[in-house]
Amino acid sequence: MSRRIPSGNRSRTGAILVLIVVLIPVLLMLSAFAINIAYMELNRTEAHTAADAAARAAGREFTVTGSIAAAKTRAKQFAELNEIAGNPLTLADSDIVAGVSQRASTAVRYTFTPGGTNPNAIRVTARRTAAAPDGAVPLLMPNVFGIGTFNINHEAVSSLVEMDIALVIDRSGSMAYAANEVAAFPPAPASAPAGWTFCDAAPPNSRWRNVVDATSVFLAQLNASPISELVSLSTYNHGAITDQPLTGNYALITASLNNYTNSLCSGGTNIGGGINEGSGALASSPAAREGAVKVIIVLTDGIHNIGTNPISAATSAASGGVLIFTITFSAEANQSTMQSVAAVGNGRHFHANSPSDLIQVFQAITKLLPNLLTK
């Protein structure tokens, strides 16, 4: 005997079928919407990466060359190495803008102002809009809710930050000797005139004069850079002093160095004391800027033999956010200790055997001085 399905059950089954028919398109639309949202976020992340990479590359090029045109070329090259929606990013000239980036203190963000007579920053805009070279980004599921494309616009700013730089220079007795001779008195340095003694003028081929020449090249490069660097000078033998507080007048640094060129005395090698003096110059100089990056460049031709342990001094300076570069000059210098000082100070160590090497070291350091993404 057959069983009859109650009419109430048949109506409910029919209602469910109708509901399913209605909901399937809605679910498909919501799924497409979710896929598009995820795809949009993926491409926005790609745009962030591309803009940041291009801005960093442009900032580094600007640091090294000082050329806005070269910075734009470099930004375009690095942008094309990054894809958005499966295609390399193409930048227009208008997407790369030079300007001024600055902040009043470390408690506030940098602000970027396009243009300016002395630009110190490059802004890169990664665009995928209808007006951009690559156009807007097509959606994976187009025409859901009547939309087929979406726009991306992300900015990144690479700033050549202001720096306060402390030069810390060894003026111990060994600096009277040439880089290729043993610093042991007696005898007097080979290039010293007859009757020479300590506290006379530094001999012609002395390490001291080599350092003064290399420092002049360094200061000239700073003077030509697009950012504002203040420089102090601290020197040390068995003691340490700050000869010139932070200044933008580099002639004062040169004049202070020349005082020792005219009268170079003997003494031990208190590298740690020199680092402490440099750190103090960065912290207590009336011209010190709160928002500037703090850098110590410390040079020695010998071995620490008196005073504060240099690694301890570097640790103290680094705890205050100071970046430390170290230079050893001549075969007699203790490279191992100065490598440790640079490591503690989150910087780099360089070694120079000759006067020409020393100039190249100072040139290399100018190219490594910080630039950062400020947006």
Protein backbone atom coordinates (compact mmCIF):
# COMPACT_ATOMS: atom_id res chain seq x y z
CA MET A 1 0.00 0.00 0.00
CA SER A 2 1.48 3.40 -1.03
CA ARG A 3 1.98 6.19 1.44
CA ARG A 4 0.95 9.74 0.70
CA ILE A 5 3.23 12.68 1.54
CA PRO A 6 1.39 15.17 3.68
CA SER A 7 0.66 18.35 1.82
CA GLY A 8 2.38 20.41 4.54
CA ASN A 9 5.70 18.62 3.95
CA ARG A 10 5.44 19.19 0.21
CA SER A 11 5.03 22.92 0.72
CA ARG A 12 8.02 23.12 3.05
CA THR A 13 10.21 21.23 0.57
CA GLY A 14 9.19 23.59 -2.17
CA ALA A 15 9.94 26.63 -0.02
CA ILE A 16 13.44 25.35 0.76
CA LEU A 17 14.15 24.78 -2.92
CA VAL A 18 13.04 28.31 -3.71
CA LEU A 19 15.26 29.65 -0.90
CA ILE A 20 18.26 27.72 -2.23
CA VAL A 21 17.67 29.04 -5.72
CA VAL A 22 17.55 32.59 -4.36
CA LEU A 23 20.59 32.22 -2.07
CA ILE A 24 22.98 30.57 -4.54
CA PRO A 25 23.49 33.78 -6.59
CA VAL A 26 23.84 35.77 -3.37
CA LEU A 27 26.46 33.35 -2.04
CA LEU A 28 28.31 33.47 -5.34
CA MET A 29 28.32 37.26 -5.26
CA LEU A 30 29.55 37.31 -1.66
CA SER A 31 32.29 34.80 -2.53
CA ALA A 32 33.37 36.90 -5.48
CA PHE A 33 33.33 39.98 -3.26
CA ALA A 34 35.54 38.24 -0.67
CA ILE A 35 37.96 37.08 -3.36
CA ASN A 36 38.18 40.61 -4.74
CA ILE A 37 38.81 42.08 -1.29
CA ALA A 38 41.64 39.62 -0.66
CA TYR A 39 43.09 40.35 -4.11
CA MET A 40 42.91 44.09 -3.49
CA GLU A 41 44.77 43.74 -0.17
CA LEU A 42 47.43 41.58 -1.83
CA ASN A 43 48.02 44.21 -4.49
CA ARG A 44 48.09 47.03 -1.95
CA THR A 45 50.82 45.13 -0.10
CA GLU A 46 52.72 44.74 -3.36
CA ALA A 47 52.38 48.50 -3.93
CA HIS A 48 53.76 49.22 -0.46
CA THR A 49 56.74 46.97 -1.16
CA ALA A 50 57.39 48.52 -4.57
CA ALA A 51 57.14 52.09 -3.32
CA ASP A 52 59.39 51.40 -0.33
CA ALA A 53 62.03 49.68 -2.47
CA ALA A 54 62.02 52.45 -5.07
CA ALA A 55 62.18 55.18 -2.43
CA ARG A 56 65.08 53.51 -0.62
CA ALA A 57 66.99 53.09 -3.87
CA ALA A 58 66.34 56.69 -4.88
CA GLY A 59 67.37 57.94 -1.44
CA ARG A 60 70.63 56.00 -1.53
CA GLU A 61 71.39 57.27 -5.04
CA PHE A 62 70.67 60.83 -3.94
CA THR A 63 72.97 60.36 -0.94
CA VAL A 64 75.85 59.17 -3.11
CA THR A 65 75.48 61.45 -6.15
CA GLY A 66 73.42 64.42 -4.98
CA SER A 67 71.60 64.19 -8.33
CA ILE A 68 67.80 64.25 -8.41
CA ALA A 69 67.83 63.01 -12.01
CA ALA A 70 69.97 60.01 -11.04
CA ALA A 71 67.67 59.34 -8.08
CA LYS A 72 64.63 59.28 -10.38
CA THR A 73 66.33 56.85 -12.74
CA ARG A 74 67.21 54.56 -9.86
CA ALA A 75 63.66 54.69 -8.49
CA LYS A 76 62.25 53.63 -11.86
CA GLN A 77 64.71 50.76 -12.12
CA PHE A 78 63.81 49.37 -8.71
CA ALA A 79 60.09 49.91 -9.24
CA GLU A 80 60.21 47.72 -12.34
CA LEU A 81 61.73 44.92 -10.26
CA ASN A 82 58.52 44.78 -8.24
CA GLU A 83 55.19 43.59 -9.59
CA ILE A 84 51.65 44.72 -8.90
CA ALA A 85 48.93 42.41 -10.18
CA GLY A 86 51.55 40.38 -12.05
CA ASN A 87 53.05 43.33 -13.93
CA PRO A 88 56.21 45.37 -13.20
CA LEU A 89 55.44 48.79 -11.74
CA THR A 90 56.09 51.69 -14.10
CA LEU A 91 56.74 55.08 -12.52
CA ALA A 92 56.13 58.38 -14.28
CA ASP A 93 58.46 61.31 -13.60
CA SER A 94 55.64 62.94 -11.64
CA ASP A 95 55.58 59.93 -9.29
CA ILE A 96 59.08 60.80 -8.04
CA VAL A 97 59.35 64.12 -6.21
CA ALA A 98 62.25 65.74 -4.35
CA GLY A 99 61.50 67.84 -1.31
CA VAL A 100 62.31 68.66 2.29
CA SER A 101 61.64 66.20 5.12
CA GLN A 102 61.95 67.44 8.68
CA ARG A 103 60.65 67.06 12.21
CA ALA A 104 60.79 69.27 15.27
CA SER A 105 61.74 66.49 17.69
CA THR A 106 62.01 62.73 18.03
CA ALA A 107 58.48 62.69 19.47
CA VAL A 108 56.83 63.70 16.17
CA ARG A 109 56.72 62.30 12.66
CA TYR A 110 58.67 63.66 9.73
CA THR A 111 56.71 65.90 7.38
CA PHE A 112 57.47 66.08 3.67
CA THR A 113 57.19 69.32 1.69
CA PRO A 114 57.73 69.09 -2.09
CA GLY A 115 60.38 71.33 -3.63
CA GLY A 116 62.70 73.58 -1.67
CA THR A 117 66.13 74.97 -2.48
CA ASN A 118 67.95 72.25 -0.51
CA PRO A 119 65.94 69.04 -0.84
CA ASN A 120 66.86 66.18 1.47
CA ALA A 121 64.19 63.60 0.63
CA ILE A 122 62.64 61.70 -2.27
CA ARG A 123 58.95 60.77 -2.35
CA VAL A 124 57.86 57.88 -4.56
CA THR A 125 54.20 57.20 -5.35
CA ALA A 126 53.23 53.72 -6.53
CA ARG A 127 50.08 54.32 -8.60
CA ARG A 128 47.73 51.97 -10.38
CA THR A 129 44.94 54.30 -11.44
CA ALA A 130 43.30 55.11 -14.74
CA ALA A 131 45.78 57.98 -15.17
CA ALA A 132 48.86 55.91 -14.22
CA PRO A 133 51.22 54.43 -16.83
CA ASP A 134 50.02 50.89 -16.02
CA GLY A 135 46.35 51.81 -15.56
CA ALA A 136 43.99 50.65 -12.82
CA VAL A 137 44.11 47.07 -11.52
CA PRO A 138 41.49 44.68 -12.97
CA LEU A 139 39.58 42.71 -10.35
CA LEU A 140 39.83 38.92 -10.37
CA MET A 141 36.03 38.78 -10.34
CA PRO A 142 35.07 41.84 -12.39
CA ASN A 143 31.71 43.55 -12.54
CA VAL A 144 30.53 42.31 -9.17
CA PHE A 145 28.30 45.15 -8.00
CA GLY A 146 29.19 46.86 -11.30
CA ILE A 147 32.91 47.33 -10.53
CA GLY A 148 35.64 46.01 -12.85
CA THR A 149 38.82 47.72 -11.61
CA PHE A 150 40.25 49.34 -8.49
CA ASN A 151 42.87 52.00 -7.76
CA ILE A 152 46.07 51.85 -5.73
CA ASN A 153 48.00 54.88 -4.52
CA HIS A 154 50.80 54.43 -1.98
CA GLU A 155 53.52 56.93 -1.06
CA ALA A 156 56.94 56.26 0.47
CA VAL A 157 59.46 58.94 1.46
CA SER A 158 63.18 58.30 1.83
CA SER A 159 64.82 61.04 3.87
CA LEU A 160 68.48 61.89 4.20
CA VAL A 161 68.22 62.63 7.87
CA GLU A 162 70.07 65.39 9.65
CA MET A 163 73.21 64.16 11.36
CA ASP A 164 75.35 65.33 14.23
CA ILE A 165 78.80 63.80 13.68
CA ALA A 166 81.60 63.59 16.23
CA LEU A 167 85.07 63.14 14.75
CA VAL A 168 87.35 61.49 17.32
CA ILE A 169 90.99 61.57 16.20
CA ASP A 170 94.10 59.97 17.69
CA ARG A 171 96.95 62.47 18.32
CA SER A 172 99.28 60.16 20.24
CA GLY A 173 103.03 60.22 19.63
CA SER A 174 102.88 57.51 16.97
CA MET A 175 100.93 59.87 14.70
CA ALA A 176 104.23 61.68 14.01
CA TYR A 177 105.49 58.66 12.06
CA ALA A 178 104.66 57.60 8.52
CA ALA A 179 102.07 54.89 7.97
CA ASN A 180 104.73 52.48 6.68
CA GLU A 181 107.29 52.90 9.48
CA VAL A 182 107.50 51.61 13.03
CA ALA A 183 106.45 54.25 15.55
CA ALA A 184 109.25 53.95 18.12
CA PHE A 185 111.20 56.92 19.49
CA PRO A 186 114.10 57.17 19.16
CA PRO A 187 114.76 57.49 16.30
CA ALA A 188 112.76 60.47 15.09
CA PRO A 189 110.35 59.95 12.19
CA ALA A 190 112.15 59.48 8.88
CA SER A 191 110.60 62.59 7.31
CA ALA A 192 111.31 64.83 10.32
CA PRO A 193 113.87 67.62 9.83
CA ALA A 194 117.16 67.56 11.72
CA GLY A 195 116.75 68.42 15.39
CA TRP A 196 113.03 67.59 15.38
CA THR A 197 111.39 66.67 18.67
CA PHE A 198 107.86 66.16 19.91
CA CYS A 199 105.72 69.31 20.08
CA ASP A 200 107.37 70.58 16.91
CA ALA A 201 105.34 70.66 13.69
CA ALA A 202 104.15 67.25 12.47
CA PRO A 203 106.68 65.81 9.98
CA PRO A 204 105.74 66.02 6.27
CA ASN A 205 104.93 62.31 5.83
CA SER A 206 103.37 61.82 9.24
CA ARG A 207 100.19 59.88 9.85
CA TRP A 208 98.79 63.03 11.41
CA ARG A 209 99.13 65.01 8.19
CA ASN A 210 97.60 62.08 6.29
CA VAL A 211 94.60 62.18 8.64
CA VAL A 212 94.22 65.95 8.22
CA ASP A 213 94.23 65.55 4.42
CA ALA A 214 91.67 62.73 4.52
CA THR A 215 89.48 64.67 6.94
CA SER A 216 89.50 67.62 4.54
CA VAL A 217 88.15 65.36 1.79
CA PHE A 218 85.48 64.07 4.18
CA LEU A 219 84.40 67.58 5.17
CA ALA A 220 84.29 68.66 1.52
CA GLN A 221 81.93 65.79 0.74
CA LEU A 222 79.72 66.68 3.68
CA ASN A 223 79.65 70.27 2.50
CA ALA A 224 78.44 69.13 -0.92
CA SER A 225 75.76 66.79 0.44
CA PRO A 226 72.06 67.72 0.29
CA ILE A 227 71.54 67.35 4.04
CA SER A 228 72.58 69.34 7.08
CA GLU A 229 75.47 67.79 9.04
CA LEU A 230 76.99 69.37 12.11
CA VAL A 231 80.48 68.17 13.05
CA SER A 232 82.45 68.26 16.29
CA LEU A 233 86.12 67.43 16.83
CA SER A 234 87.53 65.55 19.80
CA THR A 235 91.17 64.43 19.97
CA TYR A 236 93.05 62.19 22.34
CA ASN A 237 96.46 60.94 23.41
CA HIS A 238 96.76 59.86 27.06
CA GLY A 239 94.01 62.40 27.73
CA ALA A 240 91.06 63.52 25.62
CA ILE A 241 89.43 66.88 24.92
CA THR A 242 86.77 68.32 22.65
CA ASP A 243 88.56 70.86 20.49
CA GLN A 244 85.48 72.06 18.62
CA PRO A 245 81.83 71.55 19.59
CA LEU A 246 79.22 70.81 16.94
CA THR A 247 79.33 73.33 14.13
CA GLY A 248 78.26 73.75 10.54
CA ASN A 249 81.38 75.83 9.88
CA TYR A 250 83.82 73.13 8.87
CA ALA A 251 86.68 75.62 8.65
CA LEU A 252 86.68 75.60 12.45
CA ILE A 253 87.31 71.84 12.41
CA THR A 254 90.21 72.30 9.99
CA ALA A 255 91.67 75.11 12.08
CA SER A 256 91.58 72.94 15.20
CA LEU A 257 93.35 70.12 13.38
CA ASN A 258 95.98 72.53 12.11
CA ASN A 259 96.79 73.54 15.68
CA TYR A 260 98.16 70.03 16.18
CA THR A 261 99.81 70.03 12.77
CA ASN A 262 101.83 73.00 13.98
CA SER A 263 102.64 71.35 17.32
CA LEU A 264 102.24 67.58 17.64
CA CYS A 265 103.25 66.30 21.06
CA SER A 266 103.73 62.77 22.33
CA GLY A 267 101.39 60.76 24.55
CA GLY A 268 99.61 57.45 25.04
CA THR A 269 96.48 56.12 23.35
CA ASN A 270 93.26 56.57 25.34
CA ILE A 271 90.71 55.46 22.75
CA GLY A 272 87.93 55.04 25.31
CA GLY A 273 88.47 58.56 26.59
CA GLY A 274 88.19 59.85 23.03
CA ILE A 275 84.90 58.02 22.50
CA ASN A 276 83.54 59.47 25.74
CA GLU A 277 84.52 62.97 24.59
CA GLY A 278 82.83 62.45 21.23
CA SER A 279 79.68 61.13 22.88
CA GLY A 280 79.66 64.12 25.22
CA ALA A 281 80.05 66.52 22.30
CA LEU A 282 76.96 65.02 20.67
CA ALA A 283 74.92 65.19 23.86
CA SER A 284 75.92 68.49 25.42
CA SER A 285 76.85 70.81 22.57
CA PRO A 286 74.57 73.88 22.39
CA ALA A 287 74.07 73.15 18.69
CA ALA A 288 73.01 69.50 19.21
CA ARG A 289 69.69 68.73 17.51
CA GLU A 290 67.17 66.45 19.16
CA GLY A 291 65.91 65.00 15.89
CA ALA A 292 69.33 64.39 14.33
CA VAL A 293 71.00 60.99 13.98
CA LYS A 294 74.09 60.84 16.21
CA VAL A 295 77.29 59.42 14.69
CA ILE A 296 80.82 58.96 16.07
CA ILE A 297 83.75 58.35 13.72
CA VAL A 298 86.77 57.30 15.77
CA LEU A 299 90.25 56.87 14.28
CA THR A 300 93.39 55.36 15.77
CA ASP A 301 96.78 54.30 14.45
CA GLY A 302 97.74 52.23 17.47
CA ILE A 303 96.72 50.19 20.47
CA HIS A 304 94.67 51.38 23.43
CA ASN A 305 97.08 51.53 26.39
CA ILE A 306 95.63 53.92 28.95
CA GLY A 307 92.32 55.17 30.32
CA THR A 308 88.76 54.00 29.70
CA ASN A 309 88.19 50.66 27.99
CA PRO A 310 87.05 51.54 24.44
CA ILE A 311 84.42 48.79 24.28
CA SER A 312 82.89 50.01 27.54
CA ALA A 313 82.86 53.58 26.21
CA ALA A 314 81.26 52.40 22.96
CA THR A 315 78.62 50.46 24.87
CA SER A 316 77.71 53.56 26.85
CA ALA A 317 77.51 55.70 23.69
CA ALA A 318 75.44 53.10 21.83
CA SER A 319 72.95 52.95 24.71
CA GLY A 320 72.17 56.57 23.87
CA GLY A 321 71.45 55.70 20.24
CA VAL A 322 74.84 56.73 18.84
CA LEU A 323 76.09 54.99 15.68
CA ILE A 324 79.86 54.31 15.74
CA PHE A 325 82.22 53.91 12.77
CA THR A 326 85.83 52.98 13.48
CA ILE A 327 88.99 53.47 11.41
CA THR A 328 92.37 51.85 12.02
CA PHE A 329 95.33 53.39 10.18
CA SER A 330 98.72 51.66 9.72
CA ALA A 331 99.77 48.07 10.27
CA GLU A 332 100.40 48.77 13.96
CA ALA A 333 96.76 49.51 14.78
CA ASN A 334 94.72 47.04 16.81
CA GLN A 335 92.00 46.12 14.33
CA SER A 336 90.36 43.52 16.55
CA THR A 337 89.43 45.95 19.31
CA MET A 338 88.14 48.55 16.88
CA GLN A 339 86.05 45.94 15.09
CA SER A 340 84.43 45.18 18.43
CA VAL A 341 83.84 48.87 19.08
CA ALA A 342 82.09 49.22 15.70
CA ALA A 343 79.99 46.11 16.36
CA VAL A 344 78.86 47.43 19.75
CA GLY A 345 78.04 50.77 18.12
CA ASN A 346 76.02 49.19 15.27
CA GLY A 347 78.41 50.67 12.74
CA ARG A 348 81.29 49.41 10.61
CA HIS A 349 85.04 49.10 10.94
CA PHE A 350 87.45 50.19 8.20
CA HIS A 351 91.19 49.67 7.92
CA ALA A 352 93.66 51.78 5.93
CA ASN A 353 97.29 50.86 5.36
CA SER A 354 98.21 53.91 3.31
CA PRO A 355 97.26 57.60 2.96
CA SER A 356 95.31 56.86 -0.23
CA ASP A 357 93.46 54.05 1.55
CA LEU A 358 92.53 56.47 4.31
CA ILE A 359 90.96 58.94 1.88
CA GLN A 360 88.93 56.11 0.34
CA VAL A 361 87.75 55.04 3.79
CA PHE A 362 86.40 58.51 4.59
CA GLN A 363 84.72 58.63 1.19
CA ALA A 364 83.11 55.25 1.85
CA ILE A 365 81.78 56.39 5.21
CA THR A 366 80.01 59.38 3.66
CA LYS A 367 78.12 56.96 1.43
CA LEU A 368 77.05 54.86 4.40
CA LEU A 369 75.70 57.67 6.54
CA PRO A 370 72.03 57.08 7.28
CA ASN A 371 69.02 57.60 5.11
CA LEU A 372 65.65 56.18 6.15
CA LEU A 373 62.03 55.77 5.17
CA THR A 374 60.04 58.46 6.94
CA LYS A 375 56.66 57.56 5.44
